Amino acid sequence: MRIGILTGSGTYALPEMDREGEPQPVETRFGTAPVATGRLAGVDVLHVSRHRPGHELLSSAVTHQANIAALKDLGADAILSLTVCGALDSTLPLGSLVVFDDLHFLANRLPDGSLCTLYTEPGERGRGHWIYERPFSEPLRQALLEGAREAGAHARDGGCYGHVDGPRFNSRAEIRMLQGVGVTAVSQTAGPETVLAGEAEIPYALLGYATDYANGVVSPPTPLSELARLIEASGETFAGTLAEAVPRIDGDALEPVGTHFRFD
């Protein structure tokens, strides 16, 4: 079993990972993705830092298609994705985790404005519609919840992840709109990953860490210094949770999320 791990702001490497050298470029038809290989808690893992070291890529430049295609080409059986996020629910404590179970990504577009899909060519073999009730893998969600519990981290079971376009943060009006449809927390990267992993038939789950309250949720707003502090602190919480969650993944229970209506 090989587990792909996607990390974001504040987590550019996995300190608990026994890494086999430096990340290596993996060529895909969507471009190149640097992937580190190694073992974490006794399990083979593939690590992609979506922003790359030094936060080279802002959210508006992340290469989502290449990242997912590289993990698929390297034989990832599942993907665990991590994101720091802004809370839209004032009862969600900052510094706590959310294991999401629903998605708001209505635009369904990549950072360059093109539609978010792996099916980019007319007549491409395997093209079709991804159909699901919930977008995230339940066995992976349970592994993350159990991992957080064992690591001593507070994690909310369920919540709606809202994808928003960066790199700017959102206005109060935009946040009110998202609250109105039940979004729990937002960030700027995991919407495309969820869709592309679904199309690639790789089970995927998303773990969020609340670093601030979104615009207008609380008064006064979260200070920038607190946001920066919590982004830095998120790495330790994520690392502890992953170390406990990864060995709890039951490979026999993994299956693609939903189904596909295909045309060949």
C-alpha atoms as a PDB file:
ATOM      1  CA  MET A   1       0.000   0.000   0.000  1.00  0.00           C
ATOM      2  CA  ARG A   2       1.265   3.481  -0.924  1.00  0.00           C
ATOM      3  CA  ILE A   3      -0.310   6.589   0.588  1.00  0.00           C
ATOM      4  CA  GLY A   4      -0.031   9.963  -1.078  1.00  0.00           C
ATOM      5  CA  ILE A   5       0.193  12.962   1.242  1.00  0.00           C
ATOM      6  CA  LEU A   6      -0.460  16.506   0.036  1.00  0.00           C
ATOM      7  CA  THR A   7       0.649  19.311   2.352  1.00  0.00           C
ATOM      8  CA  GLY A   8       0.164  23.051   2.222  1.00  0.00           C
ATOM      9  CA  SER A   9       1.092  26.296   3.942  1.00  0.00           C
ATOM     10  CA  GLY A  10       3.410  25.736   6.894  1.00  0.00           C
ATOM     11  CA  THR A  11       4.118  22.060   6.109  1.00  0.00           C
ATOM     12  CA  TYR A  12       6.729  21.816   3.375  1.00  0.00           C
ATOM     13  CA  ALA A  13       8.260  18.578   4.635  1.00  0.00           C
ATOM     14  CA  LEU A  14       7.175  15.681   6.835  1.00  0.00           C
ATOM     15  CA  PRO A  15       9.558  15.492   9.810  1.00  0.00           C
ATOM     16  CA  GLU A  16       8.417  11.975  10.780  1.00  0.00           C
ATOM     17  CA  MET A  17       8.958  10.628   7.261  1.00  0.00           C
ATOM     18  CA  ASP A  18      11.993   8.442   6.595  1.00  0.00           C
ATOM     19  CA  ARG A  19      12.680  10.033   3.231  1.00  0.00           C
ATOM     20  CA  GLU A  20      14.569   8.371   0.410  1.00  0.00           C
ATOM     21  CA  GLY A  21      16.598  11.388  -0.697  1.00  0.00           C
ATOM     22  CA  GLU A  22      15.310  14.656  -2.101  1.00  0.00           C
ATOM     23  CA  PRO A  23      11.989  15.020  -3.919  1.00  0.00           C
ATOM     24  CA  GLN A  24      12.276  13.860  -7.518  1.00  0.00           C
ATOM     25  CA  PRO A  25      10.508  15.429 -10.499  1.00  0.00           C
ATOM     26  CA  VAL A  26       7.755  13.234 -11.939  1.00  0.00           C
ATOM     27  CA  GLU A  27       6.814  14.040 -15.534  1.00  0.00           C
ATOM     28  CA  THR A  28       3.109  13.891 -16.373  1.00  0.00           C
ATOM     29  CA  ARG A  29       1.079  15.074 -19.336  1.00  0.00           C
ATOM     30  CA  PHE A  30       0.073  18.044 -17.173  1.00  0.00           C
ATOM     31  CA  GLY A  31       3.625  19.034 -16.287  1.00  0.00           C
ATOM     32  CA  THR A  32       6.136  18.146 -13.596  1.00  0.00           C
ATOM     33  CA  ALA A  33       5.460  17.475  -9.922  1.00  0.00           C
ATOM     34  CA  PRO A  34       8.235  17.015  -7.329  1.00  0.00           C
ATOM     35  CA  VAL A  35       7.458  13.937  -5.190  1.00  0.00           C
ATOM     36  CA  ALA A  36       9.348  12.664  -2.142  1.00  0.00           C
ATOM     37  CA  THR A  37       9.202   8.950  -1.408  1.00  0.00           C
ATOM     38  CA  GLY A  38       9.826   7.138   1.864  1.00  0.00           C
ATOM     39  CA  ARG A  39       8.102   5.586   4.839  1.00  0.00           C
ATOM     40  CA  LEU A  40       5.937   7.041   7.582  1.00  0.00           C
ATOM     41  CA  ALA A  41       4.920   4.932  10.581  1.00  0.00           C
ATOM     42  CA  GLY A  42       5.959   1.832   8.661  1.00  0.00           C
ATOM     43  CA  VAL A  43       3.895   2.646   5.548  1.00  0.00           C
ATOM     44  CA  ASP A  44       5.147   3.602   2.082  1.00  0.00           C
ATOM     45  CA  VAL A  45       4.256   7.228   1.386  1.00  0.00           C
ATOM     46  CA  LEU A  46       4.516   9.715  -1.469  1.00  0.00           C
ATOM     47  CA  HIS A  47       4.731  13.341  -0.363  1.00  0.00           C
ATOM     48  CA  VAL A  48       3.874  16.387  -2.461  1.00  0.00           C
ATOM     49  CA  SER A  49       4.339  19.880  -1.020  1.00  0.00           C
ATOM     50  CA  ARG A  50       1.763  21.717  -3.116  1.00  0.00           C
ATOM     51  CA  HIS A  51       3.347  25.152  -2.577  1.00  0.00           C
ATOM     52  CA  ARG A  52       6.917  23.706  -2.646  1.00  0.00           C
ATOM     53  CA  PRO A  53       9.686  24.735  -0.213  1.00  0.00           C
ATOM     54  CA  GLY A  54       9.810  28.414   0.615  1.00  0.00           C
ATOM     55  CA  HIS A  55       6.186  28.724  -0.517  1.00  0.00           C
ATOM     56  CA  GLU A  56       7.382  29.090  -4.093  1.00  0.00           C
ATOM     57  CA  LEU A  57       3.877  28.701  -5.529  1.00  0.00           C
ATOM     58  CA  LEU A  58       0.976  30.800  -4.313  1.00  0.00           C
ATOM     59  CA  SER A  59      -2.418  29.121  -4.376  1.00  0.00           C
ATOM     60  CA  SER A  60      -3.015  30.736  -7.777  1.00  0.00           C
ATOM     61  CA  ALA A  61      -0.080  28.794  -9.241  1.00  0.00           C
ATOM     62  CA  VAL A  62      -0.420  25.320  -7.662  1.00  0.00           C
ATOM     63  CA  THR A  63      -0.164  22.551 -10.281  1.00  0.00           C
ATOM     64  CA  HIS A  64      -3.122  20.410  -9.202  1.00  0.00           C
ATOM     65  CA  GLN A  65      -3.419  18.244 -12.307  1.00  0.00           C
ATOM     66  CA  ALA A  66       0.285  17.385 -12.291  1.00  0.00           C
ATOM     67  CA  ASN A  67       0.254  16.617  -8.557  1.00  0.00           C
ATOM     68  CA  ILE A  68      -2.644  14.161  -8.782  1.00  0.00           C
ATOM     69  CA  ALA A  69      -1.410  12.628 -12.035  1.00  0.00           C
ATOM     70  CA  ALA A  70       2.048  12.070 -10.502  1.00  0.00           C
ATOM     71  CA  LEU A  71       0.577  10.335  -7.452  1.00  0.00           C
ATOM     72  CA  LYS A  72      -1.550   8.123  -9.697  1.00  0.00           C
ATOM     73  CA  ASP A  73       1.413   7.271 -11.929  1.00  0.00           C
ATOM     74  CA  LEU A  74       3.456   6.312  -8.838  1.00  0.00           C
ATOM     75  CA  GLY A  75       0.743   3.952  -7.652  1.00  0.00           C
ATOM     76  CA  ALA A  76      -0.861   5.851  -4.779  1.00  0.00           C
ATOM     77  CA  ASP A  77      -3.659   3.741  -3.285  1.00  0.00           C
ATOM     78  CA  ALA A  78      -5.068   6.690  -1.327  1.00  0.00           C
ATOM     79  CA  ILE A  79      -4.420  10.377  -0.684  1.00  0.00           C
ATOM     80  CA  LEU A  80      -4.500  12.287   2.599  1.00  0.00           C
ATOM     81  CA  SER A  81      -4.585  16.044   2.080  1.00  0.00           C
ATOM     82  CA  LEU A  82      -3.803  18.724   4.669  1.00  0.00           C
ATOM     83  CA  THR A  83      -4.863  22.362   4.575  1.00  0.00           C
ATOM     84  CA  VAL A  84      -4.799  25.290   6.958  1.00  0.00           C
ATOM     85  CA  CYS A  85      -8.113  27.090   6.707  1.00  0.00           C
ATOM     86  CA  GLY A  86     -10.249  29.978   7.826  1.00  0.00           C
ATOM     87  CA  ALA A  87     -13.217  29.079  10.027  1.00  0.00           C
ATOM     88  CA  LEU A  88     -16.708  30.315   9.122  1.00  0.00           C
ATOM     89  CA  ASP A  89     -18.154  28.765  12.286  1.00  0.00           C
ATOM     90  CA  SER A  90     -17.384  30.840  15.376  1.00  0.00           C
ATOM     91  CA  THR A  91     -17.756  27.726  17.573  1.00  0.00           C
ATOM     92  CA  LEU A  92     -14.839  25.997  15.833  1.00  0.00           C
ATOM     93  CA  PRO A  93     -11.813  26.599  18.090  1.00  0.00           C
ATOM     94  CA  LEU A  94      -8.719  27.971  16.418  1.00  0.00           C
ATOM     95  CA  GLY A  95      -5.938  25.397  16.447  1.00  0.00           C
ATOM     96  CA  SER A  96      -8.402  22.519  16.063  1.00  0.00           C
ATOM     97  CA  LEU A  97      -8.893  20.074  13.187  1.00  0.00           C
ATOM     98  CA  VAL A  98     -11.800  19.350  10.858  1.00  0.00           C
ATOM     99  CA  VAL A  99     -12.177  16.041   9.005  1.00  0.00           C
ATOM    100  CA  PHE A 100     -14.402  17.293   6.195  1.00  0.00           C
ATOM    101  CA  ASP A 101     -17.279  15.277   4.748  1.00  0.00           C
ATOM    102  CA  ASP A 102     -18.709  17.661   2.134  1.00  0.00           C
ATOM    103  CA  LEU A 103     -17.487  20.103  -0.503  1.00  0.00           C
ATOM    104  CA  HIS A 104     -18.478  23.517  -1.879  1.00  0.00           C
ATOM    105  CA  PHE A 105     -16.566  24.110  -5.114  1.00  0.00           C
ATOM    106  CA  LEU A 106     -19.226  25.431  -7.437  1.00  0.00           C
ATOM    107  CA  ALA A 107     -16.868  27.096  -9.926  1.00  0.00           C
ATOM    108  CA  ASN A 108     -15.028  23.793 -10.553  1.00  0.00           C
ATOM    109  CA  ARG A 109     -12.070  25.619 -12.086  1.00  0.00           C
ATOM    110  CA  LEU A 110      -8.304  25.435 -11.806  1.00  0.00           C
ATOM    111  CA  PRO A 111      -6.248  28.479 -10.801  1.00  0.00           C
ATOM    112  CA  ASP A 112      -5.721  29.427 -14.464  1.00  0.00           C
ATOM    113  CA  GLY A 113      -9.490  29.542 -15.010  1.00  0.00           C
ATOM    114  CA  SER A 114      -9.740  26.325 -17.007  1.00  0.00           C
ATOM    115  CA  LEU A 115     -12.239  23.674 -15.966  1.00  0.00           C
ATOM    116  CA  CYS A 116     -11.065  21.306 -13.248  1.00  0.00           C
ATOM    117  CA  THR A 117     -10.810  17.887 -14.875  1.00  0.00           C
ATOM    118  CA  LEU A 118      -8.344  15.255 -16.028  1.00  0.00           C
ATOM    119  CA  TYR A 119     -10.439  14.762 -19.174  1.00  0.00           C
ATOM    120  CA  THR A 120      -8.976  17.527 -21.303  1.00  0.00           C
ATOM    121  CA  GLU A 121      -9.087  15.998 -24.805  1.00  0.00           C
ATOM    122  CA  PRO A 122     -12.186  15.319 -26.941  1.00  0.00           C
ATOM    123  CA  GLY A 123     -12.727  11.579 -27.299  1.00  0.00           C
ATOM    124  CA  GLU A 124     -10.225  10.810 -24.530  1.00  0.00           C
ATOM    125  CA  ARG A 125     -10.527   7.234 -23.318  1.00  0.00           C
ATOM    126  CA  GLY A 126     -12.152   6.997 -19.876  1.00  0.00           C
ATOM    127  CA  ARG A 127     -13.835  10.403 -20.132  1.00  0.00           C
ATOM    128  CA  GLY A 128     -17.011  10.755 -18.147  1.00  0.00           C
ATOM    129  CA  HIS A 129     -18.833  12.231 -15.177  1.00  0.00           C
ATOM    130  CA  TRP A 130     -17.794  11.606 -11.571  1.00  0.00           C
ATOM    131  CA  ILE A 131     -20.934  10.885  -9.536  1.00  0.00           C
ATOM    132  CA  TYR A 132     -20.911  10.719  -5.721  1.00  0.00           C
ATOM    133  CA  GLU A 133     -22.998  11.277  -2.641  1.00  0.00           C
ATOM    134  CA  ARG A 134     -20.084  12.508  -0.519  1.00  0.00           C
ATOM    135  CA  PRO A 135     -16.721  13.422  -2.093  1.00  0.00           C
ATOM    136  CA  PHE A 136     -14.404  12.082   0.614  1.00  0.00           C
ATOM    137  CA  SER A 137     -13.418   8.490   1.433  1.00  0.00           C
ATOM    138  CA  GLU A 138     -15.097   7.299   4.618  1.00  0.00           C
ATOM    139  CA  PRO A 139     -12.371   4.759   5.586  1.00  0.00           C
ATOM    140  CA  LEU A 140      -9.767   7.510   5.253  1.00  0.00           C
ATOM    141  CA  ARG A 141     -11.900   9.928   7.243  1.00  0.00           C
ATOM    142  CA  GLN A 142     -12.168   7.405  10.057  1.00  0.00           C
ATOM    143  CA  ALA A 143      -8.400   6.837  10.027  1.00  0.00           C
ATOM    144  CA  LEU A 144      -7.854  10.595  10.364  1.00  0.00           C
ATOM    145  CA  LEU A 145     -10.358  10.891  13.205  1.00  0.00           C
ATOM    146  CA  GLU A 146      -8.769   7.988  15.069  1.00  0.00           C
ATOM    147  CA  GLY A 147      -5.302   9.375  14.375  1.00  0.00           C
ATOM    148  CA  ALA A 148      -6.220  12.792  15.749  1.00  0.00           C
ATOM    149  CA  ARG A 149      -7.734  11.192  18.849  1.00  0.00           C
ATOM    150  CA  GLU A 150      -4.603   9.162  19.505  1.00  0.00           C
ATOM    151  CA  ALA A 151      -2.404  12.203  18.926  1.00  0.00           C
ATOM    152  CA  GLY A 152      -4.411  14.213  21.463  1.00  0.00           C
ATOM    153  CA  ALA A 153      -5.710  16.691  18.888  1.00  0.00           C
ATOM    154  CA  HIS A 154      -9.284  17.985  18.887  1.00  0.00           C
ATOM    155  CA  ALA A 155     -10.964  17.106  15.573  1.00  0.00           C
ATOM    156  CA  ARG A 156     -14.498  17.838  14.421  1.00  0.00           C
ATOM    157  CA  ASP A 157     -16.127  14.895  12.672  1.00  0.00           C
ATOM    158  CA  GLY A 158     -17.613  16.367   9.514  1.00  0.00           C
ATOM    159  CA  GLY A 159     -17.973  19.787   7.998  1.00  0.00           C
ATOM    160  CA  CYS A 160     -18.243  21.379   4.591  1.00  0.00           C
ATOM    161  CA  TYR A 161     -14.994  22.471   2.974  1.00  0.00           C
ATOM    162  CA  GLY A 162     -15.341  25.612   0.868  1.00  0.00           C
ATOM    163  CA  HIS A 163     -12.851  26.237  -1.909  1.00  0.00           C
ATOM    164  CA  VAL A 164     -12.156  29.919  -2.606  1.00  0.00           C
ATOM    165  CA  ASP A 165      -9.864  31.453  -5.203  1.00  0.00           C
ATOM    166  CA  GLY A 166      -6.698  33.110  -4.004  1.00  0.00           C
ATOM    167  CA  PRO A 167      -4.381  34.605  -3.379  1.00  0.00           C
ATOM    168  CA  ARG A 168      -6.528  37.302  -1.765  1.00  0.00           C
ATOM    169  CA  PHE A 169      -8.711  36.573   1.262  1.00  0.00           C
ATOM    170  CA  ASN A 170     -12.492  36.973   1.085  1.00  0.00           C
ATOM    171  CA  SER A 171     -14.799  39.909   1.701  1.00  0.00           C
ATOM    172  CA  ARG A 172     -17.443  39.864   4.436  1.00  0.00           C
ATOM    173  CA  ALA A 173     -20.194  39.559   1.816  1.00  0.00           C
ATOM    174  CA  GLU A 174     -18.505  36.512   0.263  1.00  0.00           C
ATOM    175  CA  ILE A 175     -18.129  34.859   3.652  1.00  0.00           C
ATOM    176  CA  ARG A 176     -21.793  35.502   4.506  1.00  0.00           C
ATOM    177  CA  MET A 177     -22.778  33.842   1.223  1.00  0.00           C
ATOM    178  CA  LEU A 178     -20.685  30.772   2.027  1.00  0.00           C
ATOM    179  CA  GLN A 179     -22.074  30.611   5.563  1.00  0.00           C
ATOM    180  CA  GLY A 180     -25.541  30.619   4.039  1.00  0.00           C
ATOM    181  CA  VAL A 181     -24.874  27.320   2.222  1.00  0.00           C
ATOM    182  CA  GLY A 182     -23.306  25.696   5.271  1.00  0.00           C
ATOM    183  CA  VAL A 183     -19.567  26.010   4.641  1.00  0.00           C
ATOM    184  CA  THR A 184     -17.548  25.289   7.791  1.00  0.00           C
ATOM    185  CA  ALA A 185     -14.092  26.491   6.708  1.00  0.00           C
ATOM    186  CA  VAL A 186     -12.359  27.741   3.577  1.00  0.00           C
ATOM    187  CA  SER A 187      -8.975  27.582   1.917  1.00  0.00           C
ATOM    188  CA  GLN A 188      -7.600  28.071  -1.568  1.00  0.00           C
ATOM    189  CA  THR A 189      -6.317  24.689  -2.763  1.00  0.00           C
ATOM    190  CA  ALA A 190      -8.291  21.555  -1.877  1.00  0.00           C
ATOM    191  CA  GLY A 191     -11.273  21.908  -4.215  1.00  0.00           C
ATOM    192  CA  PRO A 192      -9.368  20.899  -7.371  1.00  0.00           C
ATOM    193  CA  GLU A 193      -7.545  18.111  -5.521  1.00  0.00           C
ATOM    194  CA  THR A 194     -10.814  16.574  -4.387  1.00  0.00           C
ATOM    195  CA  VAL A 195     -12.275  16.547  -7.902  1.00  0.00           C
ATOM    196  CA  LEU A 196      -9.117  15.335  -9.654  1.00  0.00           C
ATOM    197  CA  ALA A 197      -8.552  12.531  -7.138  1.00  0.00           C
ATOM    198  CA  GLY A 198     -12.175  11.506  -7.650  1.00  0.00           C
ATOM    199  CA  GLU A 199     -11.717  11.383 -11.413  1.00  0.00           C
ATOM    200  CA  ALA A 200      -8.464   9.456 -10.972  1.00  0.00           C
ATOM    201  CA  GLU A 201     -10.342   6.945  -8.767  1.00  0.00           C
ATOM    202  CA  ILE A 202      -7.959   7.474  -5.864  1.00  0.00           C
ATOM    203  CA  PRO A 203      -9.671   7.508  -2.430  1.00  0.00           C
ATOM    204  CA  TYR A 204      -9.076  10.951  -0.905  1.00  0.00           C
ATOM    205  CA  ALA A 205      -9.720  12.631   2.441  1.00  0.00           C
ATOM    206  CA  LEU A 206      -9.152  16.189   3.610  1.00  0.00           C
ATOM    207  CA  LEU A 207      -7.959  17.353   7.027  1.00  0.00           C
ATOM    208  CA  GLY A 208      -8.217  21.031   7.912  1.00  0.00           C
ATOM    209  CA  TYR A 209      -6.587  23.061  10.688  1.00  0.00           C
ATOM    210  CA  ALA A 210      -8.323  26.312  11.680  1.00  0.00           C
ATOM    211  CA  THR A 211      -5.823  29.185  11.761  1.00  0.00           C
ATOM    212  CA  ASP A 212      -8.196  32.164  11.802  1.00  0.00           C
ATOM    213  CA  TYR A 213     -11.817  33.235  11.629  1.00  0.00           C
ATOM    214  CA  ALA A 214     -12.842  34.406   8.182  1.00  0.00           C
ATOM    215  CA  ASN A 215     -13.794  38.011   7.511  1.00  0.00           C
ATOM    216  CA  GLY A 216     -16.724  39.135   9.673  1.00  0.00           C
ATOM    217  CA  VAL A 217     -17.111  35.894  11.635  1.00  0.00           C
ATOM    218  CA  VAL A 218     -15.848  37.390  14.905  1.00  0.00           C
ATOM    219  CA  SER A 219     -15.054  40.861  16.194  1.00  0.00           C
ATOM    220  CA  PRO A 220     -12.315  41.922  16.492  1.00  0.00           C
ATOM    221  CA  PRO A 221     -10.822  39.891  13.617  1.00  0.00           C
ATOM    222  CA  THR A 222      -8.050  37.360  14.139  1.00  0.00           C
ATOM    223  CA  PRO A 223      -4.740  39.266  14.308  1.00  0.00           C
ATOM    224  CA  LEU A 224      -2.252  38.547  11.533  1.00  0.00           C
ATOM    225  CA  SER A 225       0.299  37.569  14.184  1.00  0.00           C
ATOM    226  CA  GLU A 226      -2.060  34.869  15.481  1.00  0.00           C
ATOM    227  CA  LEU A 227      -2.683  33.589  11.955  1.00  0.00           C
ATOM    228  CA  ALA A 228       1.075  33.292  11.385  1.00  0.00           C
ATOM    229  CA  ARG A 229       1.585  31.598  14.749  1.00  0.00           C
ATOM    230  CA  LEU A 230      -1.089  29.002  14.088  1.00  0.00           C
ATOM    231  CA  ILE A 231       0.145  28.253  10.568  1.00  0.00           C
ATOM    232  CA  GLU A 232       3.528  27.462  12.093  1.00  0.00           C
ATOM    233  CA  ALA A 233       1.939  25.428  14.903  1.00  0.00           C
ATOM    234  CA  SER A 234      -0.179  23.413  12.450  1.00  0.00           C
ATOM    235  CA  GLY A 235       2.837  21.395  11.328  1.00  0.00           C
ATOM    236  CA  GLU A 236       3.217  19.635  14.671  1.00  0.00           C
ATOM    237  CA  THR A 237      -0.493  18.807  14.907  1.00  0.00           C
ATOM    238  CA  PHE A 238      -0.596  17.527  11.345  1.00  0.00           C
ATOM    239  CA  ALA A 239       2.556  15.440  11.862  1.00  0.00           C
ATOM    240  CA  GLY A 240       1.248  13.816  15.024  1.00  0.00           C
ATOM    241  CA  THR A 241      -2.115  13.055  13.456  1.00  0.00           C
ATOM    242  CA  LEU A 242      -0.579  11.583  10.290  1.00  0.00           C
ATOM    243  CA  ALA A 243       1.813   9.378  12.253  1.00  0.00           C
ATOM    244  CA  GLU A 244      -1.185   7.843  14.030  1.00  0.00           C
ATOM    245  CA  ALA A 245      -3.574   7.829  11.065  1.00  0.00           C
ATOM    246  CA  VAL A 246      -1.438   6.312   8.313  1.00  0.00           C
ATOM    247  CA  PRO A 247      -0.925   2.881   9.948  1.00  0.00           C
ATOM    248  CA  ARG A 248      -4.681   2.737  10.688  1.00  0.00           C
ATOM    249  CA  ILE A 249      -5.610   2.776   7.011  1.00  0.00           C
ATOM    250  CA  ASP A 250      -7.086  -0.561   5.988  1.00  0.00           C
ATOM    251  CA  GLY A 251      -6.023  -1.160   2.420  1.00  0.00           C
ATOM    252  CA  ASP A 252      -8.716  -3.791   1.949  1.00  0.00           C
ATOM    253  CA  ALA A 253     -11.406  -1.230   2.800  1.00  0.00           C
ATOM    254  CA  LEU A 254     -10.235   1.321   0.236  1.00  0.00           C
ATOM    255  CA  GLU A 255     -12.267   1.873  -2.891  1.00  0.00           C
ATOM    256  CA  PRO A 256     -12.842   4.795  -5.245  1.00  0.00           C
ATOM    257  CA  VAL A 257     -15.364   7.346  -4.040  1.00  0.00           C
ATOM    258  CA  GLY A 258     -18.614   7.242  -5.985  1.00  0.00           C
ATOM    259  CA  THR A 259     -18.761   5.989  -9.545  1.00  0.00           C
ATOM    260  CA  HIS A 260     -18.303   7.232 -13.115  1.00  0.00           C
ATOM    261  CA  PHE A 261     -20.684   7.551 -16.038  1.00  0.00           C
ATOM    262  CA  ARG A 262     -18.323   6.920 -18.930  1.00  0.00           C
ATOM    263  CA  PHE A 263     -18.677   7.061 -22.701  1.00  0.00           C
ATOM    264  CA  ASP A 264     -16.417   4.160 -23.762  1.00  0.00           C
END
